[in-house]
Amino acid sequence: MIKNKTEPYMLVLSGLSDLPSLQLPLFLVFLLVYLMTLTGNLLIVLLICTDSHLQTPMYFFLGTLACLDMGYSSVTSPRMLFDLYTQNRLISIEACITQIYFFFFLLLQKLRIFILTFYPYIIILNTIMKIPSRDMRSKAFYTCSSHLTAKDSRVASVCCINTLI
């Protein structure tokens, strides 16, 4: 009978600390930072969801960034904590590729939200600054501010839908 002799390819993780005496203190420090990050972002999301005064486009944007930050932190930190705790420095290629995929996916989502939010401001403010009269600039600014508020609420709802999908 022929047996499967395929061996999984593994990568060796190195660079954080080769000293066994530092493994536990590093584990505790990184665990504390990770838990504080998750707790802070979760409190932001819960506060925005429960308080009706905070359900504006700006706070919705902050809540979306807090959700992305929780995911972004959860991509690499648990594996690093596991490696520090068990002193196991091996990772399979599939696990590494999966981790890199989610890391860059969440990074691109964060960048996309920043671009969708700030690009209209830059374009409109640049146009307003080209108006020669100060009085006309002031009128244009007040007119455009209502448009930007409506645009922000639309961008925030699109970001929420994309985050849920």
Protein backbone atom coordinates (compact mmCIF):
# COMPACT_ATOMS: atom_id res chain seq x y z
CA MET A 1 0.00 0.00 0.00
CA ILE A 2 1.30 3.46 -0.94
CA LYS A 3 1.17 6.08 1.79
CA ASN A 4 0.96 9.82 1.34
CA LYS A 5 4.45 11.17 1.94
CA THR A 6 3.62 14.83 1.43
CA GLU A 7 5.16 16.97 4.13
CA PRO A 8 3.64 20.34 4.91
CA TYR A 9 5.91 23.31 4.31
CA MET A 10 6.45 25.35 7.42
CA LEU A 11 7.96 28.78 7.98
CA VAL A 12 10.08 29.62 11.01
CA LEU A 13 9.11 32.82 12.79
CA SER A 14 12.01 34.69 14.30
CA GLY A 15 12.96 38.13 15.46
CA LEU A 16 10.92 38.93 18.57
CA SER A 17 12.98 37.28 21.28
CA ASP A 18 15.25 34.26 21.39
CA LEU A 19 15.65 34.47 25.15
CA PRO A 20 13.31 32.07 26.99
CA SER A 21 13.32 34.31 30.06
CA LEU A 22 11.67 37.13 28.07
CA GLN A 23 8.88 35.00 26.58
CA LEU A 24 6.46 35.31 29.51
CA PRO A 25 6.96 39.08 30.13
CA LEU A 26 6.53 39.76 26.39
CA PHE A 27 3.45 37.56 26.32
CA LEU A 28 1.90 39.47 29.23
CA VAL A 29 2.72 42.90 27.76
CA PHE A 30 1.32 42.06 24.33
CA LEU A 31 -1.74 40.38 25.85
CA LEU A 32 -2.45 43.50 27.91
CA VAL A 33 -2.07 45.78 24.88
CA TYR A 34 -4.26 43.51 22.75
CA LEU A 35 -7.00 43.31 25.38
CA MET A 36 -6.91 47.08 25.91
CA THR A 37 -7.22 47.63 22.16
CA LEU A 38 -10.19 45.28 21.87
CA THR A 39 -11.88 46.69 24.98
CA GLY A 40 -11.43 50.32 23.91
CA ASN A 41 -12.73 49.72 20.40
CA LEU A 42 -15.64 47.63 21.64
CA LEU A 43 -16.60 50.39 24.10
CA ILE A 44 -16.52 52.94 21.27
CA VAL A 45 -18.82 50.79 19.13
CA LEU A 46 -21.21 50.07 22.00
CA LEU A 47 -21.35 53.72 23.04
CA ILE A 48 -22.11 54.87 19.50
CA CYS A 49 -24.80 52.19 19.06
CA THR A 50 -26.57 52.87 22.36
CA ASP A 51 -26.47 56.69 22.58
CA SER A 52 -28.87 58.33 20.12
CA HIS A 53 -26.95 61.63 20.28
CA LEU A 54 -23.89 59.92 18.80
CA GLN A 55 -25.63 58.49 15.76
CA THR A 56 -24.28 61.07 13.35
CA PRO A 57 -22.10 60.46 10.29
CA MET A 58 -18.91 61.43 12.12
CA TYR A 59 -19.48 58.96 14.96
CA PHE A 60 -20.62 56.30 12.51
CA PHE A 61 -17.30 56.79 10.75
CA LEU A 62 -15.45 56.39 14.06
CA GLY A 63 -17.45 53.25 14.87
CA THR A 64 -16.57 51.75 11.51
CA LEU A 65 -12.90 52.51 12.09
CA ALA A 66 -13.13 50.94 15.55
CA CYS A 67 -14.59 47.75 14.04
CA LEU A 68 -11.85 47.67 11.43
CA ASP A 69 -9.24 48.24 14.12
CA MET A 70 -10.56 45.29 16.12
CA GLY A 71 -10.31 43.08 13.06
CA TYR A 72 -6.92 44.49 12.12
CA SER A 73 -5.57 43.79 15.60
CA SER A 74 -7.09 40.32 15.66
CA VAL A 75 -5.33 39.22 12.48
CA THR A 76 -1.80 39.05 13.87
CA SER A 77 -1.95 39.39 17.65
CA PRO A 78 -3.51 36.02 18.59
CA ARG A 79 -0.95 34.10 16.54
CA MET A 80 1.89 36.13 18.06
CA LEU A 81 0.53 35.54 21.56
CA PHE A 82 0.21 31.81 20.86
CA ASP A 83 3.80 31.65 19.62
CA LEU A 84 5.09 33.52 22.67
CA TYR A 85 3.14 31.32 25.07
CA THR A 86 4.04 27.95 23.53
CA GLN A 87 7.48 28.97 22.24
CA ASN A 88 6.44 27.40 18.94
CA ARG A 89 7.97 29.32 16.06
CA LEU A 90 6.49 27.41 13.14
CA ILE A 91 3.63 28.49 10.90
CA SER A 92 2.31 26.73 7.84
CA ILE A 93 2.45 28.51 4.50
CA GLU A 94 -1.36 28.33 4.21
CA ALA A 95 -1.81 30.00 7.61
CA CYS A 96 0.74 32.66 6.70
CA ILE A 97 -0.96 33.43 3.37
CA THR A 98 -4.35 33.60 5.09
CA GLN A 99 -3.01 35.98 7.72
CA ILE A 100 -1.41 38.22 5.09
CA TYR A 101 -4.63 38.22 3.03
CA PHE A 102 -6.79 39.42 5.92
CA PHE A 103 -4.13 41.89 7.06
CA PHE A 104 -4.02 43.60 3.66
CA PHE A 105 -7.79 43.30 3.12
CA LEU A 106 -8.52 45.18 6.35
CA LEU A 107 -5.77 47.70 5.62
CA LEU A 108 -7.28 48.44 2.20
CA GLN A 109 -10.75 48.79 3.75
CA LYS A 110 -9.38 51.36 6.18
CA LEU A 111 -7.67 53.30 3.39
CA ARG A 112 -10.81 53.15 1.25
CA ILE A 113 -12.90 54.66 4.05
CA PHE A 114 -10.40 57.49 4.53
CA ILE A 115 -10.34 58.23 0.81
CA LEU A 116 -14.14 58.12 0.47
CA THR A 117 -14.50 60.46 3.40
CA PHE A 118 -11.85 63.08 2.77
CA TYR A 119 -11.71 63.31 -1.02
CA PRO A 120 -14.93 65.38 -1.39
CA TYR A 121 -13.69 67.84 1.25
CA ILE A 122 -10.44 68.40 -0.58
CA ILE A 123 -12.11 68.95 -3.95
CA ILE A 124 -14.79 71.32 -2.64
CA LEU A 125 -12.47 73.35 -0.41
CA ASN A 126 -9.97 73.69 -3.24
CA THR A 127 -12.74 75.03 -5.49
CA ILE A 128 -14.02 77.44 -2.84
CA MET A 129 -10.55 78.87 -2.26
CA LYS A 130 -10.31 79.84 -5.93
CA ILE A 131 -13.29 82.23 -5.61
CA PRO A 132 -11.84 85.78 -5.57
CA SER A 133 -14.34 87.51 -3.25
CA ARG A 134 -14.34 86.73 0.48
CA ASP A 135 -18.11 87.23 0.69
CA MET A 136 -18.72 84.84 -2.20
CA ARG A 137 -16.33 82.29 -0.62
CA SER A 138 -18.29 82.49 2.62
CA LYS A 139 -21.62 81.91 0.85
CA ALA A 140 -20.19 79.02 -1.14
CA PHE A 141 -18.76 77.45 2.00
CA TYR A 142 -22.10 77.58 3.84
CA THR A 143 -23.93 76.18 0.83
CA CYS A 144 -21.44 73.34 0.41
CA SER A 145 -21.39 72.42 4.10
CA SER A 146 -24.97 71.12 3.89
CA HIS A 147 -24.04 69.10 0.82
CA LEU A 148 -21.01 67.62 2.59
CA THR A 149 -23.16 66.61 5.57
CA ALA A 150 -25.55 64.74 3.29
CA LYS A 151 -22.61 63.16 1.44
CA ASP A 152 -21.04 62.00 4.73
CA SER A 153 -24.22 60.25 5.80
CA ARG A 154 -24.40 58.45 2.44
CA VAL A 155 -20.73 57.41 2.60
CA ALA A 156 -21.19 56.19 6.17
CA SER A 157 -24.17 54.03 5.20
CA VAL A 158 -22.27 52.56 2.23
CA CYS A 159 -19.28 51.79 4.48
CA CYS A 160 -21.58 50.08 6.98
CA ILE A 161 -23.15 47.93 4.31
CA ASN A 162 -19.74 46.99 2.91
CA THR A 163 -18.44 46.16 6.38
CA LEU A 164 -21.41 43.88 7.05
CA ILE A 165 -21.02 42.08 3.73
